[in-house]
Amino acid sequence: MKEPKQMSVSAIENGTVIDHVPAKNLFKVIQILGLDKIDNQITFGTNLESKKLGRKSIIKISGLFFQDEDINRIALVAPDAKLNIIRDYEVVEKKVVEVPDSITGIAKCMNPKCITNYETVTTRFKVMSKKNVSLKCHYCEKITNQENMHII
């Protein structure tokens, strides 16, 4: 019997690896971080086996490091994501993505009558649940759950 061929993705010298992204949210993470608009080398894999998630995605971005605000954006669609910071081909730091207690200017309120949807008001939410992310609007008190969440 033939041994299966193993393909490996080349290591990155400096950059960020985002692991444990739910497979169904890979392209949301790419969009949220604006990775579709940059020239850096990006490698991703999806529907990879994961004991924790069942199926997961991984993203490797060469030469790019993220601010906490960006990490908060990731947390809304990938609450179990892990970030590995790579320098000189070595993992120098591991960051666990954490959903913050409040969210400002990242998500849109799902209530069409909310002031944030027809005036220039920055959205503000209190995080009601961090596991199955749900947000309560500061202005209209409408709850936005993960299925209806629109990242801005």
Protein backbone atom coordinates (compact mmCIF):
# COMPACT_ATOMS: atom_id res chain seq x y z
CA MET A 1 0.00 0.00 0.00
CA LYS A 2 1.27 3.46 -0.93
CA GLU A 3 2.12 5.83 1.89
CA PRO A 4 0.11 9.08 1.66
CA LYS A 5 2.07 12.08 0.50
CA GLN A 6 2.58 14.73 3.14
CA MET A 7 2.41 18.35 2.04
CA SER A 8 3.64 20.97 4.44
CA VAL A 9 3.21 24.70 4.46
CA SER A 10 6.46 26.60 4.72
CA ALA A 11 7.24 28.25 8.03
CA ILE A 12 7.07 32.03 8.27
CA GLU A 13 10.06 34.03 9.45
CA ASN A 14 8.08 36.81 11.15
CA GLY A 15 4.33 37.22 11.51
CA THR A 16 1.23 35.82 13.12
CA VAL A 17 -0.45 32.42 13.05
CA ILE A 18 -4.14 32.40 13.98
CA ASP A 19 -5.20 28.90 15.01
CA HIS A 20 -8.49 27.38 16.21
CA VAL A 21 -10.72 29.49 13.96
CA PRO A 22 -14.08 27.74 13.43
CA ALA A 23 -14.03 26.45 9.82
CA LYS A 24 -17.31 28.21 8.96
CA ASN A 25 -15.88 31.56 10.13
CA LEU A 26 -12.57 31.55 8.24
CA PHE A 27 -13.65 34.07 5.62
CA LYS A 28 -15.30 36.28 8.28
CA VAL A 29 -11.94 36.50 10.08
CA ILE A 30 -10.19 37.29 6.77
CA GLN A 31 -12.73 40.06 6.08
CA ILE A 32 -12.70 41.46 9.66
CA LEU A 33 -8.92 41.78 9.62
CA GLY A 34 -8.86 43.17 6.08
CA LEU A 35 -6.56 40.35 4.96
CA ASP A 36 -8.22 40.38 1.54
CA LYS A 37 -6.81 43.89 0.96
CA ILE A 38 -3.14 43.46 1.91
CA ASP A 39 -0.08 42.32 -0.04
CA ASN A 40 1.50 40.19 2.72
CA GLN A 41 1.92 36.47 2.10
CA ILE A 42 -1.06 34.66 3.63
CA THR A 43 -1.55 30.93 3.87
CA PHE A 44 -4.71 29.37 5.23
CA GLY A 45 -6.16 25.94 5.63
CA THR A 46 -9.74 25.08 6.43
CA ASN A 47 -11.80 22.08 7.49
CA LEU A 48 -8.78 20.68 9.33
CA GLU A 49 -9.46 18.16 12.09
CA SER A 50 -9.71 19.61 15.59
CA LYS A 51 -10.45 17.74 18.82
CA LYS A 52 -11.89 20.95 20.32
CA LEU A 53 -13.89 22.36 17.38
CA GLY A 54 -14.50 19.32 15.17
CA ARG A 55 -13.33 21.28 12.11
CA LYS A 56 -11.05 24.30 12.27
CA SER A 57 -9.16 26.77 10.13
CA ILE A 58 -5.68 28.21 10.50
CA ILE A 59 -4.27 31.42 9.01
CA LYS A 60 -0.58 32.31 8.66
CA ILE A 61 0.23 35.95 7.89
CA SER A 62 3.81 36.88 7.10
CA GLY A 63 5.15 40.19 8.41
CA LEU A 64 1.98 41.27 10.24
CA PHE A 65 1.20 41.67 13.94
CA PHE A 66 -2.15 42.69 15.42
CA GLN A 67 -3.35 45.34 17.87
CA ASP A 68 -5.68 44.37 20.74
CA GLU A 69 -8.63 46.01 18.95
CA ASP A 70 -8.13 43.64 16.01
CA ILE A 71 -7.88 40.69 18.38
CA ASN A 72 -11.22 41.75 19.93
CA ARG A 73 -12.74 41.67 16.45
CA ILE A 74 -11.49 38.10 15.95
CA ALA A 75 -12.96 37.07 19.33
CA LEU A 76 -16.49 37.87 18.17
CA VAL A 77 -16.43 35.18 15.44
CA ALA A 78 -13.63 32.94 16.76
CA PRO A 79 -13.81 32.99 20.58
CA ASP A 80 -11.41 30.02 20.91
CA ALA A 81 -8.76 31.37 18.51
CA LYS A 82 -5.10 31.33 19.51
CA LEU A 83 -2.51 33.73 18.11
CA ASN A 84 1.12 32.67 17.83
CA ILE A 85 3.59 35.51 17.29
CA ILE A 86 6.54 34.33 15.16
CA ARG A 87 9.97 35.98 15.07
CA ASP A 88 12.97 34.34 13.36
CA TYR A 89 10.88 31.21 12.70
CA GLU A 90 10.20 30.71 16.44
CA VAL A 91 7.01 31.19 18.45
CA VAL A 92 7.95 34.02 20.81
CA GLU A 93 4.50 34.71 22.23
CA LYS A 94 1.13 33.00 22.42
CA LYS A 95 -2.01 35.05 22.82
CA VAL A 96 -5.39 33.67 23.76
CA VAL A 97 -8.22 35.56 22.14
CA GLU A 98 -10.66 36.78 24.75
CA VAL A 99 -14.10 38.30 24.26
CA PRO A 100 -14.01 41.60 26.17
CA ASP A 101 -16.73 42.78 28.60
CA SER A 102 -17.78 45.54 26.23
CA ILE A 103 -17.50 46.18 22.49
CA THR A 104 -17.23 49.63 20.91
CA GLY A 105 -17.38 50.36 17.19
CA ILE A 106 -16.84 46.77 16.06
CA ALA A 107 -20.33 45.31 15.56
CA LYS A 108 -23.57 46.72 14.18
CA CYS A 109 -26.83 46.73 16.17
CA MET A 110 -29.43 44.46 14.56
CA ASN A 111 -32.30 46.81 15.51
CA PRO A 112 -33.08 48.87 12.36
CA LYS A 113 -34.64 51.60 14.60
CA CYS A 114 -31.50 51.95 16.76
CA ILE A 115 -29.92 55.41 16.67
CA THR A 116 -26.60 53.81 15.61
CA ASN A 117 -28.17 52.71 12.32
CA TYR A 118 -29.36 56.12 11.12
CA GLU A 119 -27.11 58.65 12.87
CA THR A 120 -23.34 58.94 13.14
CA VAL A 121 -23.12 57.30 16.57
CA THR A 122 -20.43 54.77 17.46
CA THR A 123 -21.96 51.44 18.47
CA ARG A 124 -21.50 50.30 22.08
CA PHE A 125 -22.43 46.91 23.49
CA LYS A 126 -22.25 45.09 26.81
CA VAL A 127 -21.24 41.48 26.27
CA MET A 128 -24.00 39.29 27.72
CA SER A 129 -22.46 35.91 26.83
CA LYS A 130 -18.84 35.18 25.94
CA LYS A 131 -19.31 31.53 24.91
CA ASN A 132 -22.11 31.91 22.34
CA VAL A 133 -21.36 35.58 21.89
CA SER A 134 -24.33 37.88 22.43
CA LEU A 135 -24.23 41.65 22.76
CA LYS A 136 -26.70 44.08 24.37
CA CYS A 137 -26.85 47.49 22.68
CA HIS A 138 -26.04 50.40 25.01
CA TYR A 139 -28.61 52.61 23.26
CA CYS A 140 -31.68 50.47 22.47
CA GLU A 141 -30.92 47.42 24.69
CA LYS A 142 -31.62 45.01 21.81
CA ILE A 143 -29.67 41.74 22.07
CA THR A 144 -27.63 40.79 18.99
CA ASN A 145 -26.59 37.13 18.90
CA GLN A 146 -23.72 35.55 16.98
CA GLU A 147 -25.93 34.41 14.07
CA ASN A 148 -27.19 37.97 13.45
CA MET A 149 -23.94 39.77 14.19
CA HIS A 150 -22.59 42.05 11.49
CA ILE A 151 -18.98 43.18 11.99
CA ILE A 152 -18.19 46.71 10.83
